[in-house]
């Protein structure tokens, strides 16, 4: 099965990919991010599609966060690009967004506001090729934040199933609902 090649940098990826090995890269254009259950069988090899769901508002801006399409069936931002260690949201006629820093117990969030500079987002993201010597991989790269591909969970947060990094008991999520996932980059193919 062939997948479109990521736009790999000519030089080594930035420091946000340190410690992730030779399969790490920090540029991939026009991808969809999905959540693959890490503990139970999945119904497919790609996992649940994620969209940018409403996560609240502050004066003059909106917060967006990754949630499953099943829990938030709207999709203004049709794809994401990994560019120089930050995530850039793509969508026609959408407000620009900047990736926010991700701390332990927090969601993967974006500040959406007029005048936001997507290239100035937090440079904390990297992708890692799914290389399984036993041949059990999915063939899709995994997303890393803060040098970690293994600490994502889907958790109930209100009516949405939201991605958290290293969820904490007592946080904004329903901690008992959390289960571990791997975030995959699915390259979009357009005809």
N, C-alpha and C. Protein backbone atom coordinates (compact mmCIF):
# COMPACT_ATOMS: atom_id res chain seq x y z
N UNK A 1 0.85 -1.16 0.00
CA UNK A 1 0.00 0.00 0.00
C UNK A 1 0.90 1.23 0.00
N UNK A 2 0.69 2.12 -0.93
CA UNK A 2 1.54 3.30 -1.03
C UNK A 2 0.81 4.51 -0.47
N UNK A 3 1.55 5.35 0.22
CA UNK A 3 1.02 6.58 0.77
C UNK A 3 1.82 7.74 0.18
N UNK A 4 1.18 8.90 0.00
CA UNK A 4 1.94 10.05 -0.49
C UNK A 4 3.07 10.36 0.47
N UNK A 5 4.17 10.74 -0.07
CA UNK A 5 5.34 11.05 0.77
C UNK A 5 5.12 12.35 1.51
N UNK A 6 5.58 12.40 2.73
CA UNK A 6 5.59 13.65 3.49
C UNK A 6 6.66 14.53 2.90
N UNK A 7 6.49 15.83 3.06
CA UNK A 7 7.54 16.74 2.64
C UNK A 7 8.61 16.71 3.72
N UNK A 8 9.59 15.87 3.52
CA UNK A 8 10.63 15.71 4.52
C UNK A 8 11.66 16.82 4.39
N UNK A 9 12.10 17.35 5.50
CA UNK A 9 13.12 18.40 5.43
C UNK A 9 14.44 17.84 4.94
N UNK A 10 15.22 18.69 4.28
CA UNK A 10 16.52 18.25 3.77
C UNK A 10 17.52 18.07 4.92
N UNK A 11 17.36 18.84 5.97
CA UNK A 11 18.23 18.75 7.13
C UNK A 11 17.49 17.97 8.22
N UNK A 12 18.18 17.71 9.29
CA UNK A 12 17.55 17.02 10.42
C UNK A 12 16.40 17.86 10.95
N UNK A 13 15.36 17.21 11.50
CA UNK A 13 14.26 17.99 12.07
C UNK A 13 14.72 18.79 13.28
N UNK A 14 13.88 19.72 13.70
CA UNK A 14 14.23 20.60 14.81
C UNK A 14 14.29 19.89 16.15
N UNK A 15 14.65 20.62 17.20
CA UNK A 15 14.83 20.04 18.53
C UNK A 15 13.56 19.43 19.12
N UNK A 16 12.39 19.80 18.61
CA UNK A 16 11.14 19.23 19.08
C UNK A 16 11.04 17.75 18.72
N UNK A 17 11.95 17.25 17.86
CA UNK A 17 11.98 15.83 17.50
C UNK A 17 13.12 15.07 18.19
N UNK A 18 13.86 15.75 19.05
CA UNK A 18 14.99 15.09 19.73
C UNK A 18 14.52 13.86 20.49
N UNK A 19 15.30 12.80 20.38
CA UNK A 19 15.03 11.57 21.11
C UNK A 19 14.01 10.65 20.46
N UNK A 20 13.48 11.04 19.30
CA UNK A 20 12.45 10.23 18.66
C UNK A 20 13.00 9.31 17.57
N UNK A 21 14.29 9.35 17.34
CA UNK A 21 14.91 8.42 16.40
C UNK A 21 14.95 8.89 14.96
N UNK A 22 15.50 8.03 14.12
CA UNK A 22 15.72 8.37 12.71
C UNK A 22 14.45 8.47 11.90
N UNK A 23 13.34 7.95 12.38
CA UNK A 23 12.08 8.03 11.65
C UNK A 23 11.28 9.28 11.96
N UNK A 24 11.86 10.22 12.71
CA UNK A 24 11.15 11.45 13.10
C UNK A 24 11.26 12.51 12.00
N UNK A 25 10.18 13.23 11.80
CA UNK A 25 10.17 14.35 10.85
C UNK A 25 9.22 15.43 11.34
N UNK A 26 9.46 16.67 10.89
CA UNK A 26 8.67 17.78 11.41
C UNK A 26 7.92 18.56 10.32
N UNK A 27 7.74 17.94 9.17
CA UNK A 27 6.92 18.55 8.12
C UNK A 27 6.09 17.48 7.44
N UNK A 28 4.78 17.71 7.40
CA UNK A 28 3.83 16.86 6.69
C UNK A 28 2.63 17.73 6.35
N UNK A 29 2.35 17.86 5.09
CA UNK A 29 1.31 18.78 4.65
C UNK A 29 0.00 18.04 4.38
N UNK A 30 -1.11 18.70 4.69
CA UNK A 30 -2.44 18.23 4.35
C UNK A 30 -2.73 16.83 4.88
N UNK A 31 -2.78 16.71 6.21
CA UNK A 31 -3.07 15.43 6.84
C UNK A 31 -4.34 15.54 7.69
N UNK A 32 -4.91 14.40 7.98
CA UNK A 32 -5.99 14.28 8.95
C UNK A 32 -5.40 13.56 10.15
N UNK A 33 -5.78 13.98 11.34
CA UNK A 33 -5.28 13.32 12.54
C UNK A 33 -6.40 12.43 13.08
N UNK A 34 -6.02 11.21 13.44
CA UNK A 34 -6.97 10.24 13.96
C UNK A 34 -6.47 9.68 15.29
N UNK A 35 -7.39 9.13 16.06
CA UNK A 35 -7.06 8.53 17.35
C UNK A 35 -7.27 7.02 17.26
N UNK A 36 -6.20 6.27 17.44
CA UNK A 36 -6.23 4.81 17.38
C UNK A 36 -6.19 4.27 18.80
N UNK A 37 -7.19 3.51 19.18
CA UNK A 37 -7.25 2.95 20.53
C UNK A 37 -6.01 2.10 20.77
N UNK A 38 -5.30 2.36 21.86
CA UNK A 38 -4.04 1.67 22.13
C UNK A 38 -4.22 0.43 23.00
N UNK A 39 -5.44 0.18 23.49
CA UNK A 39 -5.64 -0.97 24.39
C UNK A 39 -6.65 -1.98 23.88
N UNK A 40 -7.56 -1.58 23.02
CA UNK A 40 -8.60 -2.48 22.52
C UNK A 40 -8.52 -2.57 21.00
N UNK A 41 -9.10 -3.62 20.41
CA UNK A 41 -9.10 -3.72 18.95
C UNK A 41 -9.82 -2.53 18.32
N UNK A 42 -9.34 -2.11 17.16
CA UNK A 42 -9.95 -1.02 16.41
C UNK A 42 -10.73 -1.62 15.25
N UNK A 43 -11.75 -0.90 14.79
CA UNK A 43 -12.54 -1.39 13.67
C UNK A 43 -11.85 -1.15 12.33
N UNK A 44 -10.79 -0.34 12.33
CA UNK A 44 -10.02 -0.09 11.11
C UNK A 44 -8.59 0.24 11.50
N UNK A 45 -7.73 0.45 10.51
CA UNK A 45 -6.32 0.71 10.80
C UNK A 45 -6.02 2.19 11.01
N UNK A 46 -7.02 3.04 10.83
CA UNK A 46 -6.76 4.47 10.96
C UNK A 46 -7.29 5.07 12.25
N UNK A 47 -8.30 4.49 12.86
CA UNK A 47 -8.83 5.03 14.11
C UNK A 47 -9.93 6.04 13.88
N UNK A 48 -10.35 6.68 14.96
CA UNK A 48 -11.45 7.66 14.93
C UNK A 48 -10.95 8.99 14.40
N UNK A 49 -11.63 9.56 13.40
CA UNK A 49 -11.21 10.87 12.89
C UNK A 49 -11.41 11.96 13.94
N UNK A 50 -10.45 12.87 14.00
CA UNK A 50 -10.52 14.00 14.92
C UNK A 50 -10.82 15.29 14.17
N UNK A 51 -11.56 16.16 14.81
CA UNK A 51 -11.89 17.47 14.26
C UNK A 51 -11.53 18.52 15.31
N UNK A 52 -11.56 19.78 14.91
CA UNK A 52 -11.28 20.88 15.83
C UNK A 52 -12.59 21.36 16.41
N UNK A 53 -12.87 20.96 17.64
CA UNK A 53 -14.12 21.27 18.31
C UNK A 53 -13.98 22.51 19.16
N UNK A 54 -15.10 23.13 19.43
CA UNK A 54 -15.13 24.31 20.28
C UNK A 54 -14.74 23.92 21.70
N UNK A 55 -13.81 24.68 22.27
CA UNK A 55 -13.35 24.40 23.62
C UNK A 55 -13.48 25.59 24.54
N UNK A 56 -14.22 26.60 24.12
CA UNK A 56 -14.41 27.78 24.95
C UNK A 56 -14.03 29.05 24.21
N UNK A 57 -14.12 30.16 24.89
CA UNK A 57 -13.82 31.45 24.29
C UNK A 57 -13.24 32.39 25.33
N UNK A 58 -12.45 33.32 24.85
CA UNK A 58 -11.96 34.43 25.65
C UNK A 58 -12.22 35.69 24.83
N UNK A 59 -12.04 36.83 25.39
CA UNK A 59 -12.33 38.07 24.68
C UNK A 59 -11.60 38.11 23.34
N UNK A 60 -12.34 38.18 22.26
CA UNK A 60 -11.78 38.32 20.93
C UNK A 60 -11.19 37.06 20.33
N UNK A 61 -11.37 35.92 20.97
CA UNK A 61 -10.79 34.68 20.45
C UNK A 61 -11.61 33.47 20.88
N UNK A 62 -11.38 32.39 20.18
CA UNK A 62 -12.02 31.11 20.49
C UNK A 62 -10.92 30.08 20.70
N UNK A 63 -11.19 29.10 21.55
CA UNK A 63 -10.27 27.99 21.75
C UNK A 63 -10.84 26.78 21.03
N UNK A 64 -10.00 26.12 20.26
CA UNK A 64 -10.39 24.87 19.60
C UNK A 64 -9.51 23.76 20.14
N UNK A 65 -10.04 22.54 20.12
CA UNK A 65 -9.32 21.38 20.63
C UNK A 65 -9.70 20.16 19.80
N UNK A 66 -8.82 19.16 19.78
CA UNK A 66 -9.11 17.95 19.04
C UNK A 66 -10.14 17.11 19.78
N UNK A 67 -11.21 16.75 19.08
CA UNK A 67 -12.26 15.87 19.59
C UNK A 67 -12.66 14.92 18.48
N UNK A 68 -13.29 13.82 18.85
CA UNK A 68 -13.73 12.89 17.81
C UNK A 68 -14.86 13.51 17.00
N UNK A 69 -14.88 13.17 15.73
CA UNK A 69 -15.96 13.63 14.85
C UNK A 69 -17.30 13.12 15.38
N UNK A 70 -17.32 11.91 15.94
CA UNK A 70 -18.56 11.34 16.46
C UNK A 70 -19.15 12.19 17.59
N UNK A 71 -18.30 12.88 18.36
CA UNK A 71 -18.80 13.70 19.46
C UNK A 71 -18.98 15.17 19.09
N UNK A 72 -18.44 15.59 17.95
CA UNK A 72 -18.56 16.97 17.46
C UNK A 72 -18.57 16.91 15.94
N UNK A 73 -19.76 16.64 15.34
CA UNK A 73 -19.83 16.36 13.89
C UNK A 73 -19.79 17.60 12.99
N UNK A 74 -18.82 18.45 13.21
CA UNK A 74 -18.60 19.64 12.38
C UNK A 74 -17.12 19.70 12.08
N UNK A 75 -16.76 20.24 10.92
CA UNK A 75 -15.35 20.24 10.56
C UNK A 75 -15.00 21.45 9.70
N UNK A 76 -14.78 22.59 10.33
CA UNK A 76 -14.40 23.81 9.59
C UNK A 76 -13.00 23.69 9.01
N UNK A 77 -12.10 23.10 9.78
CA UNK A 77 -10.70 22.97 9.36
C UNK A 77 -10.54 21.56 8.78
N UNK A 78 -10.43 21.48 7.47
CA UNK A 78 -10.51 20.19 6.78
C UNK A 78 -9.24 19.37 6.85
N UNK A 79 -8.13 19.99 7.20
CA UNK A 79 -6.89 19.23 7.37
C UNK A 79 -5.93 20.03 8.25
N UNK A 80 -4.83 19.38 8.57
CA UNK A 80 -3.80 19.97 9.42
C UNK A 80 -2.47 19.77 8.69
N UNK A 81 -1.55 20.70 8.87
CA UNK A 81 -0.19 20.53 8.36
C UNK A 81 0.78 20.65 9.53
N UNK A 82 1.77 19.78 9.53
CA UNK A 82 2.87 19.86 10.48
C UNK A 82 3.97 20.63 9.78
N UNK A 83 4.28 21.82 10.29
CA UNK A 83 5.24 22.70 9.63
C UNK A 83 6.24 23.21 10.67
N UNK A 84 7.48 22.77 10.53
CA UNK A 84 8.54 23.27 11.39
C UNK A 84 8.21 23.10 12.87
N UNK A 85 7.59 21.96 13.22
CA UNK A 85 7.33 21.65 14.61
C UNK A 85 6.05 22.19 15.19
N UNK A 86 5.23 22.88 14.40
CA UNK A 86 3.94 23.35 14.90
C UNK A 86 2.84 22.80 14.00
N UNK A 87 1.63 22.77 14.52
CA UNK A 87 0.48 22.34 13.73
C UNK A 87 -0.23 23.57 13.19
N UNK A 88 -0.51 23.53 11.88
CA UNK A 88 -1.20 24.62 11.20
C UNK A 88 -2.53 24.08 10.69
N UNK A 89 -3.62 24.75 11.04
CA UNK A 89 -4.95 24.31 10.62
C UNK A 89 -5.24 24.83 9.22
N UNK A 90 -5.83 23.98 8.39
CA UNK A 90 -6.17 24.33 7.01
C UNK A 90 -7.69 24.28 6.84
N UNK A 91 -8.24 25.29 6.17
CA UNK A 91 -9.67 25.30 5.88
C UNK A 91 -10.03 26.56 5.12
N UNK A 92 -10.92 26.41 4.15
CA UNK A 92 -11.36 27.56 3.35
C UNK A 92 -12.21 28.48 4.21
N UNK A 93 -12.00 29.76 4.08
CA UNK A 93 -12.80 30.78 4.77
C UNK A 93 -12.86 30.57 6.28
N UNK A 94 -11.73 30.20 6.88
CA UNK A 94 -11.68 30.00 8.32
C UNK A 94 -10.79 31.08 8.96
N UNK A 95 -10.99 31.29 10.22
CA UNK A 95 -10.19 32.24 10.98
C UNK A 95 -8.84 31.60 11.29
N UNK A 96 -7.74 32.35 11.19
CA UNK A 96 -6.43 31.76 11.49
C UNK A 96 -6.33 31.31 12.95
N UNK A 97 -5.49 30.31 13.16
CA UNK A 97 -5.33 29.73 14.49
C UNK A 97 -3.86 29.48 14.77
N UNK A 98 -3.50 29.55 16.04
CA UNK A 98 -2.12 29.32 16.49
C UNK A 98 -2.13 28.20 17.52
N UNK A 99 -1.26 27.19 17.31
CA UNK A 99 -1.16 26.07 18.26
C UNK A 99 -0.66 26.56 19.61
N UNK A 100 -1.29 26.09 20.67
CA UNK A 100 -0.91 26.47 22.03
C UNK A 100 0.04 25.44 22.63
N UNK A 101 0.78 25.85 23.64
CA UNK A 101 1.64 24.92 24.37
C UNK A 101 0.78 23.84 25.02
N UNK A 102 1.35 22.66 25.17
CA UNK A 102 0.64 21.54 25.78
C UNK A 102 1.39 21.12 27.03
N UNK A 103 0.73 21.23 28.16
CA UNK A 103 1.29 20.83 29.45
C UNK A 103 0.64 19.53 29.89
N UNK A 104 1.26 18.85 30.84
CA UNK A 104 0.68 17.63 31.40
C UNK A 104 -0.74 17.91 31.87
N UNK A 105 -1.67 17.05 31.47
CA UNK A 105 -3.07 17.19 31.87
C UNK A 105 -3.88 18.12 31.00
N UNK A 106 -3.31 18.60 29.89
CA UNK A 106 -4.06 19.55 29.07
C UNK A 106 -4.44 18.96 27.71
N UNK A 107 -5.31 19.70 27.05
CA UNK A 107 -5.78 19.35 25.72
C UNK A 107 -4.81 19.89 24.68
N UNK A 108 -4.87 19.36 23.48
CA UNK A 108 -4.11 19.91 22.36
C UNK A 108 -4.97 21.03 21.80
N UNK A 109 -4.59 22.27 22.08
CA UNK A 109 -5.47 23.40 21.78
C UNK A 109 -4.89 24.39 20.80
N UNK A 110 -5.80 25.23 20.29
CA UNK A 110 -5.47 26.28 19.32
C UNK A 110 -6.22 27.55 19.69
N UNK A 111 -5.53 28.67 19.57
CA UNK A 111 -6.15 29.98 19.76
C UNK A 111 -6.58 30.46 18.38
N UNK A 112 -7.88 30.66 18.20
CA UNK A 112 -8.45 31.07 16.91
C UNK A 112 -8.87 32.53 17.03
N UNK A 113 -8.22 33.39 16.24
CA UNK A 113 -8.59 34.80 16.25
C UNK A 113 -8.04 35.49 15.01
N UNK A 114 -8.74 36.54 14.60
CA UNK A 114 -8.24 37.33 13.48
C UNK A 114 -6.86 37.84 13.84
N UNK A 115 -5.95 37.78 12.90
CA UNK A 115 -4.60 38.26 13.13
C UNK A 115 -3.67 37.23 13.74
N UNK A 116 -4.17 36.03 14.09
CA UNK A 116 -3.29 34.99 14.63
C UNK A 116 -2.29 34.57 13.55
N UNK A 117 -1.07 34.31 13.93
CA UNK A 117 -0.04 33.86 13.01
C UNK A 117 0.18 32.36 13.21
N UNK A 118 -0.36 31.52 12.32
CA UNK A 118 -0.22 30.08 12.48
C UNK A 118 1.22 29.60 12.59
N UNK A 119 2.14 30.28 11.91
CA UNK A 119 3.54 29.85 11.95
C UNK A 119 4.21 30.16 13.29
N UNK A 120 3.54 30.97 14.14
CA UNK A 120 4.09 31.31 15.45
C UNK A 120 3.55 30.39 16.55
N UNK A 121 2.91 29.29 16.17
CA UNK A 121 2.39 28.35 17.15
C UNK A 121 3.50 27.64 17.91
N UNK A 122 3.12 26.99 18.98
CA UNK A 122 4.08 26.26 19.81
C UNK A 122 4.81 25.21 18.97
N UNK A 123 6.13 25.25 18.99
CA UNK A 123 6.95 24.29 18.23
C UNK A 123 7.25 23.10 19.14
N UNK A 124 6.27 22.21 19.26
CA UNK A 124 6.36 21.08 20.18
C UNK A 124 5.95 19.77 19.52
N UNK A 125 5.63 19.82 18.23
CA UNK A 125 5.09 18.66 17.54
C UNK A 125 6.11 18.03 16.61
N UNK A 126 5.99 16.72 16.46
CA UNK A 126 6.84 15.96 15.56
C UNK A 126 6.04 14.74 15.11
N UNK A 127 6.42 14.14 14.02
CA UNK A 127 5.81 12.89 13.56
C UNK A 127 6.89 11.82 13.54
N UNK A 128 6.46 10.58 13.77
CA UNK A 128 7.40 9.47 13.82
C UNK A 128 6.84 8.34 12.95
N UNK A 129 7.66 7.88 12.01
CA UNK A 129 7.23 6.79 11.15
C UNK A 129 6.90 5.57 11.99
N UNK A 130 5.83 4.88 11.64
CA UNK A 130 5.42 3.66 12.35
C UNK A 130 6.20 2.49 11.77
N UNK A 131 7.33 2.24 12.38
CA UNK A 131 8.22 1.18 11.90
C UNK A 131 8.17 0.04 12.92
N UNK A 132 7.49 -1.02 12.55
CA UNK A 132 7.38 -2.19 13.43
C UNK A 132 8.10 -3.35 12.76
N UNK A 133 9.24 -3.78 13.31
CA UNK A 133 10.00 -4.86 12.69
C UNK A 133 9.20 -6.15 12.55
N UNK A 134 8.18 -6.32 13.38
CA UNK A 134 7.37 -7.53 13.29
C UNK A 134 6.26 -7.40 12.25
N UNK A 135 6.14 -6.21 11.65
CA UNK A 135 5.15 -6.02 10.59
C UNK A 135 3.74 -5.75 11.08
N UNK A 136 3.59 -5.35 12.34
CA UNK A 136 2.25 -5.12 12.88
C UNK A 136 1.84 -3.66 12.88
N UNK A 137 2.60 -2.80 12.27
CA UNK A 137 2.27 -1.38 12.27
C UNK A 137 1.09 -1.07 11.38
N UNK A 138 0.62 0.16 11.48
CA UNK A 138 -0.52 0.59 10.67
C UNK A 138 -0.07 1.21 9.35
N UNK A 139 1.20 1.59 9.26
CA UNK A 139 1.68 2.26 8.06
C UNK A 139 1.51 3.76 8.09
N UNK A 140 0.95 4.29 9.17
CA UNK A 140 0.74 5.73 9.30
C UNK A 140 1.63 6.27 10.41
N UNK A 141 2.24 7.44 10.20
CA UNK A 141 3.10 8.01 11.25
C UNK A 141 2.28 8.41 12.48
N UNK A 142 2.96 8.40 13.63
CA UNK A 142 2.36 8.83 14.88
C UNK A 142 2.75 10.27 15.18
N UNK A 143 1.85 11.00 15.80
CA UNK A 143 2.13 12.37 16.23
C UNK A 143 2.77 12.33 17.62
N UNK A 144 3.75 13.17 17.82
CA UNK A 144 4.37 13.34 19.13
C UNK A 144 4.18 14.78 19.57
N UNK A 145 4.02 14.97 20.87
CA UNK A 145 4.02 16.30 21.46
C UNK A 145 5.02 16.26 22.61
N UNK A 146 5.82 17.28 22.71
CA UNK A 146 6.85 17.35 23.75
C UNK A 146 7.70 16.08 23.77
N UNK A 147 8.00 15.53 22.58
CA UNK A 147 8.86 14.36 22.45
C UNK A 147 8.22 13.04 22.86
N UNK A 148 6.90 12.97 22.89
CA UNK A 148 6.19 11.80 23.42
C UNK A 148 5.05 11.40 22.49
N UNK A 149 5.07 10.14 22.02
CA UNK A 149 3.97 9.61 21.21
C UNK A 149 3.00 8.75 22.01
N UNK A 150 3.33 8.45 23.25
CA UNK A 150 2.61 7.41 24.00
C UNK A 150 1.70 7.87 25.13
N UNK A 151 1.50 9.16 25.32
CA UNK A 151 0.76 9.61 26.50
C UNK A 151 -0.53 10.35 26.16
N UNK A 152 -1.10 10.07 24.99
CA UNK A 152 -2.38 10.68 24.62
C UNK A 152 -3.53 9.81 25.12
N UNK A 153 -4.63 10.45 25.46
CA UNK A 153 -5.85 9.73 25.84
C UNK A 153 -7.05 10.45 25.26
N UNK A 154 -8.10 9.71 24.98
CA UNK A 154 -9.40 10.29 24.68
C UNK A 154 -10.19 10.26 25.98
N UNK A 155 -10.75 11.41 26.35
CA UNK A 155 -11.50 11.54 27.60
C UNK A 155 -12.77 12.33 27.33
N UNK A 156 -13.82 11.99 28.07
CA UNK A 156 -15.05 12.77 27.99
C UNK A 156 -14.81 14.13 28.65
N UNK A 157 -15.21 15.17 27.94
CA UNK A 157 -15.16 16.54 28.47
C UNK A 157 -16.47 17.19 28.03
N UNK A 158 -17.44 17.22 28.92
CA UNK A 158 -18.78 17.64 28.52
C UNK A 158 -19.36 16.61 27.56
N UNK A 159 -19.88 17.08 26.43
CA UNK A 159 -20.47 16.17 25.44
C UNK A 159 -19.46 15.69 24.41
N UNK A 160 -18.21 16.11 24.54
CA UNK A 160 -17.19 15.76 23.54
C UNK A 160 -16.20 14.73 24.09
N UNK A 161 -15.66 13.92 23.18
CA UNK A 161 -14.53 13.04 23.49
C UNK A 161 -13.28 13.76 22.99
N UNK A 162 -12.46 14.22 23.91
CA UNK A 162 -11.38 15.16 23.63
C UNK A 162 -10.02 14.49 23.87
N UNK A 163 -9.03 14.88 23.06
CA UNK A 163 -7.66 14.38 23.25
C UNK A 163 -6.99 15.17 24.37
N UNK A 164 -6.44 14.43 25.34
CA UNK A 164 -5.64 15.00 26.41
C UNK A 164 -4.25 14.39 26.36
N UNK A 165 -3.26 15.14 26.81
CA UNK A 165 -1.91 14.63 26.94
C UNK A 165 -1.64 14.43 28.43
N UNK A 166 -1.33 13.23 28.82
CA UNK A 166 -1.08 12.87 30.21
C UNK A 166 -2.20 13.38 31.12
N UNK A 167 -3.44 12.87 30.92
CA UNK A 167 -4.56 13.38 31.73
C UNK A 167 -4.32 13.19 33.22
N UNK A 168 -4.89 14.09 34.00
CA UNK A 168 -4.72 14.07 35.45
C UNK A 168 -6.08 13.97 36.14
N UNK A 169 -6.15 13.18 37.19
CA UNK A 169 -7.37 13.14 37.99
C UNK A 169 -7.62 14.53 38.55
N UNK A 170 -8.88 14.96 38.52
CA UNK A 170 -9.23 16.29 39.03
C UNK A 170 -9.13 17.38 37.99
N UNK A 171 -8.81 17.02 36.74
CA UNK A 171 -8.72 18.02 35.67
C UNK A 171 -10.09 18.31 35.06
N UNK A 172 -10.09 18.95 33.90
CA UNK A 172 -11.35 19.31 33.25
C UNK A 172 -12.01 18.13 32.56
N UNK A 173 -11.31 17.01 32.45
CA UNK A 173 -11.87 15.83 31.82
C UNK A 173 -12.49 14.90 32.85
N UNK A 174 -13.34 13.99 32.38
CA UNK A 174 -13.84 12.91 33.23
C UNK A 174 -12.76 11.84 33.22
N UNK A 175 -11.89 11.87 34.23
CA UNK A 175 -10.70 11.03 34.26
C UNK A 175 -11.03 9.54 34.12
N UNK A 176 -12.12 9.10 34.72
CA UNK A 176 -12.50 7.69 34.65
C UNK A 176 -12.90 7.24 33.25
N UNK A 177 -13.21 8.19 32.38
CA UNK A 177 -13.60 7.85 31.00
C UNK A 177 -12.40 7.73 30.06
N UNK A 178 -11.23 8.14 30.51
CA UNK A 178 -10.05 8.21 29.63
C UNK A 178 -9.54 6.82 29.25
N UNK A 179 -9.08 6.72 28.01
CA UNK A 179 -8.38 5.51 27.57
C UNK A 179 -7.27 5.94 26.61
N UNK A 180 -6.15 5.20 26.60
CA UNK A 180 -4.99 5.60 25.80
C UNK A 180 -5.22 5.43 24.30
N UNK A 181 -4.70 6.40 23.55
CA UNK A 181 -4.75 6.36 22.09
C UNK A 181 -3.40 6.76 21.51
N UNK A 182 -3.18 6.37 20.29
CA UNK A 182 -2.04 6.86 19.50
C UNK A 182 -2.66 7.79 18.46
N UNK A 183 -2.05 8.94 18.26
CA UNK A 183 -2.53 9.87 17.24
C UNK A 183 -1.76 9.61 15.96
N UNK A 184 -2.50 9.37 14.89
CA UNK A 184 -1.89 9.06 13.60
C UNK A 184 -2.11 10.20 12.62
N UNK A 185 -1.15 10.37 11.71
CA UNK A 185 -1.28 11.30 10.61
C UNK A 185 -1.69 10.50 9.38
N UNK A 186 -2.84 10.83 8.82
CA UNK A 186 -3.33 10.17 7.62
C UNK A 186 -3.20 11.17 6.48
N UNK A 187 -2.36 10.83 5.52
CA UNK A 187 -2.12 11.74 4.39
C UNK A 187 -3.36 11.79 3.51
N UNK A 188 -3.83 13.00 3.24
CA UNK A 188 -5.00 13.18 2.38
C UNK A 188 -4.60 13.06 0.92
N UNK A 189 -5.41 12.37 0.18
CA UNK A 189 -5.17 12.27 -1.26
C UNK A 189 -6.32 12.98 -1.94
N UNK A 190 -6.00 13.83 -2.83
CA UNK A 190 -7.00 14.61 -3.57
C UNK A 190 -6.89 14.24 -5.04
N UNK A 191 -8.03 14.09 -5.67
CA UNK A 191 -8.04 13.76 -7.10
C UNK A 191 -7.96 15.00 -7.94
